[in-house]
Amino acid sequence: NKGNNMKLRHTAIALTAAAVLLAGCENMSQREQDTAKGAGIGAVGGAVLGGLIGGKKGAVAGAAIGGVGGAIAGNVWSKKMEEKRLAMEQATKGTGIDVVRTPDNQLKLNIPSDSGFAVGSAAVQPQLRTVLDSFSSGLASEPGWVVTVVGHTDSTGSDAINEPLSVNRANSVRDYLASRGVQPARIATSGMGSRAPIADNGTTTGRSANRRVEIFLREPETQAKS
């Protein structure tokens, strides 16, 4: 009836507001924020569906079930991955290297070529070696974690130059990580040449952004919830 529908709407609004407030708390870690978001969204969805099926009691039960399911779904970024992200943020300060969590829950390092390689070279520079030392730390004890390294160039020069340069830079990162105890079989590499720009190759700033190596760290889903 109209009264129950109004109560259900008010419940959904309150739950959404609570989720937003919890997820925005400055003292919460990224993992805790995601859990809060998932719980709030799941509770709202469960309340709405439960209300449609079973009225007021159904809404309450649906909110509880949806909240638990949402919390689990939102908490796919493990504590270990969050610790790794924080460690890499610390290790890359002042280097120009970005550390982010991707939408599909991988840890990504975006390394501008200026931060890792000399012009036209695939040799790993000392500054990048220090970062890779931190990145490789602890990976030997996490055999299920997988690393992917992708090299990119700007559009200057021909594909005959750019393609092998991007591959060689990715392979150089792989070889350095292997020298630090990460099994080569766990590291996939590829080179995109100039085929995947993230900025305008028509500007100096854009070309600089496109010259990069990206490193992704992923853990199996079965471990991600632990």
Protein backbone atom coordinates (compact mmCIF):
# COMPACT_ATOMS: atom_id res chain seq x y z
CA ASN A 1 0.00 0.00 0.00
CA LYS A 2 0.89 3.68 -0.16
CA GLY A 3 2.04 3.84 3.48
CA ASN A 4 4.42 0.90 3.13
CA ASN A 5 5.81 2.28 -0.10
CA MET A 6 6.58 5.59 1.59
CA LYS A 7 8.30 3.83 4.51
CA LEU A 8 10.29 1.74 2.05
CA ARG A 9 11.37 4.86 0.15
CA HIS A 10 12.43 6.57 3.38
CA THR A 11 14.38 3.47 4.44
CA ALA A 12 16.20 3.37 1.11
CA ILE A 13 17.13 7.05 1.35
CA ALA A 14 18.40 6.65 4.90
CA LEU A 15 20.48 3.61 4.02
CA THR A 16 21.98 5.36 1.00
CA ALA A 17 22.89 8.39 3.09
CA ALA A 18 24.48 6.18 5.74
CA ALA A 19 26.54 4.36 3.13
CA VAL A 20 27.79 7.62 1.64
CA LEU A 21 28.74 8.97 5.05
CA LEU A 22 30.56 5.79 6.02
CA ALA A 23 32.41 5.53 2.72
CA GLY A 24 33.53 9.14 2.96
CA CYS A 25 35.02 8.84 6.45
CA GLU A 26 38.60 10.08 6.33
CA ASN A 27 39.72 7.62 8.99
CA MET A 28 38.65 4.56 7.03
CA SER A 29 40.96 2.59 4.78
CA GLN A 30 40.10 2.05 1.11
CA ARG A 31 39.09 -1.54 1.93
CA GLU A 32 36.78 -0.40 4.74
CA GLN A 33 35.24 2.26 2.50
CA ASP A 34 34.51 -0.31 -0.20
CA THR A 35 32.93 -2.65 2.34
CA ALA A 36 30.74 0.18 3.62
CA LYS A 37 29.71 1.18 0.12
CA GLY A 38 28.87 -2.40 -0.79
CA ALA A 39 26.89 -2.92 2.39
CA GLY A 40 24.87 0.26 1.88
CA ILE A 41 24.12 -0.40 -1.77
CA GLY A 42 23.25 -4.03 -1.06
CA ALA A 43 20.98 -3.05 1.80
CA VAL A 44 19.10 -0.56 -0.34
CA GLY A 45 18.68 -3.05 -3.16
CA GLY A 46 17.61 -5.79 -0.78
CA ALA A 47 15.12 -3.51 0.96
CA VAL A 48 13.52 -2.45 -2.29
CA LEU A 49 13.27 -5.98 -3.65
CA GLY A 50 12.11 -7.41 -0.34
CA GLY A 51 9.48 -4.71 -0.04
CA LEU A 52 8.11 -5.47 -3.46
CA ILE A 53 7.87 -9.15 -2.64
CA GLY A 54 6.94 -9.23 1.03
CA GLY A 55 5.93 -5.76 2.14
CA LYS A 56 7.44 -4.18 5.26
CA LYS A 57 8.84 -7.42 6.72
CA GLY A 58 10.29 -8.36 3.38
CA ALA A 59 12.00 -5.00 3.13
CA VAL A 60 13.70 -5.44 6.51
CA ALA A 61 14.85 -8.97 5.70
CA GLY A 62 15.95 -7.93 2.23
CA ALA A 63 17.99 -5.06 3.62
CA ALA A 64 19.82 -7.39 6.00
CA ILE A 65 20.59 -9.99 3.34
CA GLY A 66 21.51 -7.38 0.75
CA GLY A 67 23.78 -5.60 3.21
CA VAL A 68 25.79 -8.74 3.91
CA GLY A 69 26.05 -9.63 0.22
CA GLY A 70 27.00 -6.09 -0.69
CA ALA A 71 29.69 -5.97 1.97
CA ILE A 72 31.27 -9.11 0.55
CA ALA A 73 31.07 -7.81 -3.02
CA GLY A 74 32.58 -4.47 -2.03
CA ASN A 75 35.40 -6.10 -0.12
CA VAL A 76 37.26 -7.74 -3.01
CA TRP A 77 40.33 -5.56 -2.45
CA SER A 78 42.25 -7.55 0.13
CA LYS A 79 44.14 -6.23 3.10
CA LYS A 80 47.38 -7.43 1.56
CA MET A 81 46.71 -5.54 -1.66
CA GLU A 82 45.89 -2.39 0.27
CA GLU A 83 49.14 -2.74 2.22
CA LYS A 84 51.00 -3.17 -1.07
CA ARG A 85 49.34 -0.07 -2.52
CA LEU A 86 50.33 2.03 0.48
CA ALA A 87 53.90 0.69 0.36
CA MET A 88 54.19 1.54 -3.32
CA GLU A 89 52.79 5.03 -2.80
CA GLN A 90 55.54 5.57 -0.26
CA ALA A 91 58.23 4.07 -2.52
CA THR A 92 57.25 6.21 -5.52
CA LYS A 93 57.01 9.60 -3.83
CA GLY A 94 58.74 12.24 -5.90
CA THR A 95 59.40 9.89 -8.83
CA GLY A 96 56.52 10.88 -11.11
CA ILE A 97 55.18 7.32 -10.96
CA ASP A 98 51.43 6.96 -10.31
CA VAL A 99 50.06 4.17 -8.12
CA VAL A 100 46.35 3.42 -8.47
CA ARG A 101 43.78 0.76 -7.88
CA THR A 102 42.03 -0.14 -11.13
CA PRO A 103 38.26 -0.65 -11.41
CA ASP A 104 38.88 -4.42 -11.74
CA ASN A 105 40.92 -4.48 -8.51
CA GLN A 106 44.44 -4.59 -9.80
CA LEU A 107 47.30 -2.52 -8.45
CA LYS A 108 48.69 -0.41 -11.28
CA LEU A 109 51.97 1.49 -11.52
CA ASN A 110 52.11 3.98 -14.38
CA ILE A 111 55.77 4.72 -15.08
CA PRO A 112 56.58 7.60 -17.43
CA SER A 113 59.63 6.78 -19.54
CA ASP A 114 61.39 9.81 -18.06
CA SER A 115 61.13 8.12 -14.66
CA GLY A 116 62.46 4.77 -15.81
CA PHE A 117 64.35 4.82 -19.10
CA ALA A 118 66.72 7.00 -21.08
CA VAL A 119 65.53 8.21 -24.50
CA GLY A 120 65.50 5.32 -26.98
CA SER A 121 66.82 2.89 -24.36
CA ALA A 122 65.31 -0.18 -22.71
CA ALA A 123 67.81 -0.25 -19.83
CA VAL A 124 66.17 0.22 -16.41
CA GLN A 125 67.38 3.45 -14.79
CA PRO A 126 68.58 3.48 -11.13
CA GLN A 127 65.51 5.40 -9.93
CA LEU A 128 63.19 2.76 -11.36
CA ARG A 129 65.30 -0.04 -9.92
CA THR A 130 64.65 1.30 -6.43
CA VAL A 131 60.90 1.30 -7.10
CA LEU A 132 61.01 -2.23 -8.55
CA ASP A 133 62.93 -3.40 -5.49
CA SER A 134 59.98 -2.30 -3.34
CA PHE A 135 57.46 -3.74 -5.79
CA SER A 136 59.11 -7.17 -5.79
CA SER A 137 59.35 -7.26 -1.99
CA GLY A 138 57.09 -10.00 -0.62
CA LEU A 139 55.93 -11.31 -4.00
CA ALA A 140 57.96 -14.49 -3.64
CA SER A 141 55.73 -15.44 -0.69
CA GLU A 142 52.56 -14.77 -2.72
CA PRO A 143 52.91 -17.29 -5.58
CA GLY A 144 49.32 -16.77 -6.74
CA TRP A 145 49.84 -13.09 -7.51
CA VAL A 146 50.37 -12.33 -11.19
CA VAL A 147 52.27 -9.42 -12.74
CA THR A 148 51.62 -7.92 -16.18
CA VAL A 149 53.98 -5.36 -17.74
CA VAL A 150 52.94 -3.35 -20.79
CA GLY A 151 55.24 -0.98 -22.70
CA HIS A 152 54.02 2.05 -24.67
CA THR A 153 55.58 4.76 -26.85
CA ASP A 154 54.42 8.01 -28.37
CA SER A 155 53.72 8.31 -32.10
CA THR A 156 57.10 9.83 -32.95
CA GLY A 157 59.09 7.52 -35.19
CA SER A 158 57.99 4.44 -37.08
CA ASP A 159 56.33 1.27 -35.84
CA ALA A 160 59.55 -0.53 -36.74
CA ILE A 161 61.21 1.41 -33.91
CA ASN A 162 58.34 1.87 -31.47
CA GLU A 163 57.03 -1.69 -31.35
CA PRO A 164 60.30 -3.41 -30.36
CA LEU A 165 61.21 -0.55 -27.97
CA SER A 166 57.94 -0.95 -26.07
CA VAL A 167 58.40 -4.73 -25.89
CA ASN A 168 62.02 -4.45 -24.82
CA ARG A 169 61.20 -2.03 -22.02
CA ALA A 170 58.50 -4.36 -20.69
CA ASN A 171 60.91 -7.28 -20.87
CA SER A 172 63.59 -5.27 -19.06
CA VAL A 173 61.18 -4.71 -16.18
CA ARG A 174 60.34 -8.42 -16.17
CA ASP A 175 64.02 -9.38 -16.12
CA TYR A 176 64.76 -7.01 -13.27
CA LEU A 177 61.85 -8.35 -11.21
CA ALA A 178 63.07 -11.88 -11.94
CA SER A 179 66.50 -10.92 -10.63
CA ARG A 180 64.75 -9.96 -7.40
CA GLY A 181 63.12 -13.35 -6.94
CA VAL A 182 59.84 -13.06 -8.86
CA GLN A 183 59.42 -16.11 -11.08
CA PRO A 184 59.46 -15.08 -14.77
CA ALA A 185 56.55 -17.42 -15.45
CA ARG A 186 54.37 -15.19 -13.26
CA ILE A 187 55.18 -12.09 -15.32
CA ALA A 188 53.40 -11.49 -18.62
CA THR A 189 54.82 -8.81 -20.91
CA SER A 190 53.64 -7.06 -24.05
CA GLY A 191 54.41 -3.97 -26.10
CA MET A 192 51.75 -1.71 -27.57
CA GLY A 193 54.03 0.68 -29.41
CA SER A 194 52.03 3.86 -30.05
CA ARG A 195 48.70 2.05 -30.42
CA ALA A 196 47.23 2.87 -26.99
CA PRO A 197 47.77 6.58 -26.28
CA ILE A 198 46.32 8.16 -23.16
CA ALA A 199 46.95 11.74 -24.30
CA ASP A 200 47.25 13.84 -27.44
CA ASN A 201 50.38 12.94 -29.40
CA GLY A 202 50.16 16.36 -31.02
CA THR A 203 51.55 18.06 -27.91
CA THR A 204 54.84 17.69 -26.03
CA THR A 205 52.97 17.00 -22.79
CA GLY A 206 50.78 14.40 -24.46
CA ARG A 207 53.71 12.57 -26.04
CA SER A 208 55.47 12.51 -22.68
CA ALA A 209 52.41 10.94 -21.05
CA ASN A 210 52.15 8.31 -23.79
CA ARG A 211 55.76 7.17 -23.33
CA ARG A 212 55.23 4.85 -20.40
CA VAL A 213 55.41 1.39 -18.91
CA GLU A 214 52.45 0.05 -16.94
CA ILE A 215 52.81 -2.64 -14.31
CA PHE A 216 49.73 -4.48 -13.05
CA LEU A 217 49.57 -6.70 -9.98
CA ARG A 218 46.61 -9.05 -9.62
CA GLU A 219 45.70 -11.67 -7.06
CA PRO A 220 43.31 -14.59 -7.64
CA GLU A 221 39.69 -13.95 -6.69
CA THR A 222 39.80 -16.80 -4.19
CA GLN A 223 42.48 -14.89 -2.26
CA ALA A 224 41.08 -11.42 -2.79
CA LYS A 225 38.32 -11.94 -0.22
CA SER A 226 40.62 -13.11 2.55
